[in-house]
Amino acid sequence: MYRTTKGGALYAIIVFVIGFIFGTIRVLLLVPRLGETNAVIVEAPIILAASWFVLPLVRGSARCRANGPGSIINGFGRVPRADVL
């Protein structure tokens, strides 16, 4: 299995677990107090920030290159770097 595939699978699992935890908190604590829409508005930036913080950790632990084959799929959400351009 390629390192980028392992890194992508690890990233997906970690972000899924974080989303599951925050989703449970949202449903049990925030929805009764804020309503459905406002609870999602509160949760969405937290999940987005978590996914942005997890990515460099997984990329470093899986020793994936920033421009490897797995970056074709992940590259749509990346910010271009000066050394890549």
N, C-alpha and C. Protein backbone atom coordinates (compact mmCIF):
# COMPACT_ATOMS: atom_id res chain seq x y z
N MET A 1 0.85 -1.18 0.00
CA MET A 1 0.00 0.00 0.00
C MET A 1 0.90 1.24 0.00
N TYR A 2 0.52 2.22 -0.79
CA TYR A 2 1.32 3.44 -0.88
C TYR A 2 1.24 4.24 0.41
N ARG A 3 2.31 4.99 0.67
CA ARG A 3 2.33 5.84 1.87
C ARG A 3 1.23 6.88 1.82
N THR A 4 0.95 7.41 0.64
CA THR A 4 -0.08 8.44 0.54
C THR A 4 -1.47 7.86 0.81
N THR A 5 -1.68 6.60 0.41
CA THR A 5 -2.96 5.95 0.68
C THR A 5 -3.12 5.71 2.17
N LYS A 6 -2.05 5.26 2.82
CA LYS A 6 -2.11 5.07 4.27
C LYS A 6 -2.35 6.39 4.98
N GLY A 7 -1.66 7.44 4.53
CA GLY A 7 -1.85 8.75 5.13
C GLY A 7 -3.27 9.27 4.93
N GLY A 8 -3.82 9.06 3.74
CA GLY A 8 -5.19 9.48 3.47
C GLY A 8 -6.20 8.73 4.31
N ALA A 9 -5.99 7.42 4.47
CA ALA A 9 -6.89 6.61 5.30
C ALA A 9 -6.80 7.04 6.77
N LEU A 10 -5.59 7.28 7.24
CA LEU A 10 -5.41 7.74 8.63
C LEU A 10 -6.08 9.09 8.84
N TYR A 11 -5.91 10.00 7.88
CA TYR A 11 -6.55 11.32 7.96
C TYR A 11 -8.07 11.18 8.01
N ALA A 12 -8.63 10.35 7.15
CA ALA A 12 -10.08 10.18 7.10
C ALA A 12 -10.61 9.60 8.41
N ILE A 13 -9.90 8.64 8.97
CA ILE A 13 -10.34 8.02 10.23
C ILE A 13 -10.30 9.03 11.37
N ILE A 14 -9.21 9.79 11.46
CA ILE A 14 -9.08 10.77 12.55
C ILE A 14 -10.14 11.85 12.44
N VAL A 15 -10.35 12.39 11.24
CA VAL A 15 -11.35 13.44 11.07
C VAL A 15 -12.76 12.89 11.29
N PHE A 16 -13.02 11.64 10.88
CA PHE A 16 -14.31 11.03 11.14
C PHE A 16 -14.57 10.90 12.64
N VAL A 17 -13.58 10.46 13.39
CA VAL A 17 -13.75 10.32 14.84
C VAL A 17 -14.00 11.68 15.49
N ILE A 18 -13.24 12.69 15.08
CA ILE A 18 -13.45 14.04 15.61
C ILE A 18 -14.86 14.53 15.26
N GLY A 19 -15.29 14.31 14.03
CA GLY A 19 -16.63 14.70 13.62
C GLY A 19 -17.70 13.95 14.38
N PHE A 20 -17.47 12.68 14.65
CA PHE A 20 -18.44 11.90 15.42
C PHE A 20 -18.57 12.45 16.83
N ILE A 21 -17.45 12.78 17.45
CA ILE A 21 -17.47 13.32 18.82
C ILE A 21 -18.19 14.67 18.84
N PHE A 22 -17.80 15.57 17.95
CA PHE A 22 -18.44 16.88 17.93
C PHE A 22 -19.89 16.80 17.48
N GLY A 23 -20.23 15.86 16.60
CA GLY A 23 -21.61 15.68 16.19
C GLY A 23 -22.49 15.21 17.34
N THR A 24 -21.95 14.33 18.16
CA THR A 24 -22.68 13.87 19.33
C THR A 24 -22.91 15.02 20.32
N ILE A 25 -21.87 15.80 20.54
CA ILE A 25 -22.00 16.97 21.42
C ILE A 25 -23.03 17.94 20.85
N ARG A 26 -22.99 18.15 19.53
CA ARG A 26 -23.94 19.07 18.89
C ARG A 26 -25.36 18.61 19.09
N VAL A 27 -25.62 17.33 18.85
CA VAL A 27 -26.99 16.82 18.94
C VAL A 27 -27.49 16.82 20.38
N LEU A 28 -26.64 16.42 21.31
CA LEU A 28 -27.09 16.29 22.70
C LEU A 28 -27.13 17.61 23.45
N LEU A 29 -26.20 18.52 23.16
CA LEU A 29 -26.11 19.74 23.96
C LEU A 29 -26.54 21.00 23.23
N LEU A 30 -26.14 21.14 21.97
CA LEU A 30 -26.38 22.41 21.28
C LEU A 30 -27.75 22.50 20.61
N VAL A 31 -28.23 21.41 20.02
CA VAL A 31 -29.51 21.47 19.30
C VAL A 31 -30.66 21.85 20.22
N PRO A 32 -30.77 21.27 21.42
CA PRO A 32 -31.88 21.70 22.28
C PRO A 32 -31.82 23.18 22.69
N ARG A 33 -30.62 23.74 22.77
CA ARG A 33 -30.48 25.13 23.21
C ARG A 33 -30.52 26.13 22.05
N LEU A 34 -29.93 25.76 20.92
CA LEU A 34 -29.76 26.72 19.82
C LEU A 34 -30.63 26.43 18.61
N GLY A 35 -31.10 25.21 18.46
CA GLY A 35 -31.81 24.82 17.25
C GLY A 35 -30.84 24.16 16.28
N GLU A 36 -31.41 23.48 15.28
CA GLU A 36 -30.60 22.71 14.33
C GLU A 36 -29.60 23.56 13.55
N THR A 37 -30.09 24.62 12.93
CA THR A 37 -29.24 25.43 12.05
C THR A 37 -28.13 26.11 12.82
N ASN A 38 -28.44 26.71 13.93
CA ASN A 38 -27.41 27.41 14.71
C ASN A 38 -26.39 26.44 15.30
N ALA A 39 -26.83 25.24 15.66
CA ALA A 39 -25.89 24.25 16.17
C ALA A 39 -24.90 23.83 15.09
N VAL A 40 -25.37 23.67 13.86
CA VAL A 40 -24.47 23.33 12.75
C VAL A 40 -23.52 24.48 12.45
N ILE A 41 -24.02 25.71 12.55
CA ILE A 41 -23.18 26.88 12.32
C ILE A 41 -22.06 26.95 13.36
N VAL A 42 -22.35 26.54 14.58
CA VAL A 42 -21.32 26.53 15.63
C VAL A 42 -20.33 25.39 15.40
N GLU A 43 -20.82 24.24 14.97
CA GLU A 43 -19.96 23.06 14.82
C GLU A 43 -19.06 23.11 13.59
N ALA A 44 -19.55 23.64 12.49
CA ALA A 44 -18.82 23.59 11.22
C ALA A 44 -17.42 24.19 11.28
N PRO A 45 -17.22 25.37 11.85
CA PRO A 45 -15.84 25.90 11.90
C PRO A 45 -14.90 25.06 12.75
N ILE A 46 -15.45 24.42 13.78
CA ILE A 46 -14.61 23.57 14.64
C ILE A 46 -14.13 22.35 13.86
N ILE A 47 -15.04 21.73 13.11
CA ILE A 47 -14.66 20.56 12.31
C ILE A 47 -13.66 20.97 11.22
N LEU A 48 -13.89 22.11 10.59
CA LEU A 48 -12.98 22.58 9.55
C LEU A 48 -11.59 22.84 10.12
N ALA A 49 -11.53 23.51 11.27
CA ALA A 49 -10.24 23.78 11.91
C ALA A 49 -9.55 22.47 12.31
N ALA A 50 -10.30 21.53 12.82
CA ALA A 50 -9.72 20.24 13.21
C ALA A 50 -9.12 19.53 12.00
N SER A 51 -9.82 19.57 10.87
CA SER A 51 -9.30 18.91 9.68
C SER A 51 -8.03 19.59 9.17
N TRP A 52 -7.95 20.91 9.31
CA TRP A 52 -6.75 21.64 8.88
C TRP A 52 -5.57 21.35 9.80
N PHE A 53 -5.83 21.14 11.10
CA PHE A 53 -4.74 20.85 12.03
C PHE A 53 -4.28 19.40 11.94
N VAL A 54 -5.19 18.49 11.58
CA VAL A 54 -4.83 17.08 11.49
C VAL A 54 -3.98 16.80 10.25
N LEU A 55 -4.23 17.50 9.17
CA LEU A 55 -3.54 17.22 7.90
C LEU A 55 -2.02 17.28 8.02
N PRO A 56 -1.41 18.34 8.57
CA PRO A 56 0.06 18.34 8.66
C PRO A 56 0.60 17.25 9.58
N LEU A 57 -0.15 16.91 10.62
CA LEU A 57 0.29 15.85 11.53
C LEU A 57 0.33 14.50 10.82
N VAL A 58 -0.71 14.22 10.06
CA VAL A 58 -0.78 12.95 9.33
C VAL A 58 0.25 12.92 8.21
N ARG A 59 0.37 14.03 7.51
CA ARG A 59 1.34 14.08 6.41
C ARG A 59 2.75 13.84 6.93
N GLY A 60 3.08 14.39 8.09
CA GLY A 60 4.41 14.18 8.66
C GLY A 60 4.60 12.77 9.17
N SER A 61 3.58 12.19 9.80
CA SER A 61 3.72 10.85 10.36
C SER A 61 3.75 9.79 9.27
N ALA A 62 3.05 10.02 8.16
CA ALA A 62 3.04 9.05 7.06
C ALA A 62 4.20 9.31 6.09
N ARG A 63 4.97 10.36 6.33
CA ARG A 63 6.09 10.75 5.47
C ARG A 63 5.65 10.90 4.01
N CYS A 64 4.49 11.55 3.85
CA CYS A 64 3.97 11.79 2.50
C CYS A 64 4.57 13.08 1.96
N ARG A 65 4.88 13.07 0.68
CA ARG A 65 5.35 14.29 0.05
C ARG A 65 4.18 15.21 -0.18
N ALA A 66 4.45 16.50 -0.16
CA ALA A 66 3.40 17.48 -0.38
C ALA A 66 2.88 17.45 -1.80
N ASN A 67 3.68 16.93 -2.73
CA ASN A 67 3.25 16.88 -4.13
C ASN A 67 3.21 15.44 -4.65
N GLY A 68 2.94 14.48 -3.77
CA GLY A 68 2.86 13.09 -4.17
C GLY A 68 1.57 12.77 -4.90
N PRO A 69 1.39 11.51 -5.29
CA PRO A 69 0.19 11.12 -6.03
C PRO A 69 -1.10 11.37 -5.27
N GLY A 70 -1.08 11.24 -3.95
CA GLY A 70 -2.28 11.47 -3.16
C GLY A 70 -2.70 12.92 -3.13
N SER A 71 -1.81 13.81 -3.46
CA SER A 71 -2.13 15.24 -3.45
C SER A 71 -3.01 15.64 -4.62
N ILE A 72 -3.13 14.77 -5.62
CA ILE A 72 -4.03 15.08 -6.73
C ILE A 72 -5.45 15.18 -6.21
N ILE A 73 -5.84 14.25 -5.36
CA ILE A 73 -7.18 14.28 -4.79
C ILE A 73 -7.27 15.36 -3.72
N ASN A 74 -6.27 15.42 -2.85
CA ASN A 74 -6.29 16.38 -1.75
C ASN A 74 -5.95 17.78 -2.22
N GLY A 75 -5.39 17.93 -3.40
CA GLY A 75 -4.91 19.21 -3.88
C GLY A 75 -5.98 20.24 -4.15
N PHE A 76 -7.21 19.81 -4.28
CA PHE A 76 -8.27 20.78 -4.55
C PHE A 76 -8.49 21.72 -3.39
N GLY A 77 -8.20 21.28 -2.16
CA GLY A 77 -8.40 22.14 -1.00
C GLY A 77 -7.14 22.78 -0.48
N ARG A 78 -6.00 22.50 -1.15
CA ARG A 78 -4.74 23.04 -0.65
C ARG A 78 -4.52 24.46 -1.12
N VAL A 79 -3.78 25.20 -0.33
CA VAL A 79 -3.36 26.53 -0.70
C VAL A 79 -2.02 26.39 -1.43
N PRO A 80 -1.89 26.95 -2.62
CA PRO A 80 -0.62 26.80 -3.35
C PRO A 80 0.54 27.43 -2.60
N ARG A 81 1.67 26.75 -2.63
CA ARG A 81 2.87 27.27 -1.99
C ARG A 81 3.76 27.87 -3.04
N ALA A 82 4.61 28.79 -2.61
CA ALA A 82 5.48 29.50 -3.54
C ALA A 82 6.50 28.55 -4.18
N ASP A 83 7.01 27.55 -3.43
CA ASP A 83 8.02 26.67 -3.99
C ASP A 83 7.43 25.66 -4.97
N VAL A 84 6.13 25.42 -4.93
CA VAL A 84 5.48 24.51 -5.87
C VAL A 84 5.18 25.23 -7.18
N LEU A 85 4.84 26.50 -7.07
CA LEU A 85 4.53 27.27 -8.26
C LEU A 85 5.79 27.54 -8.98
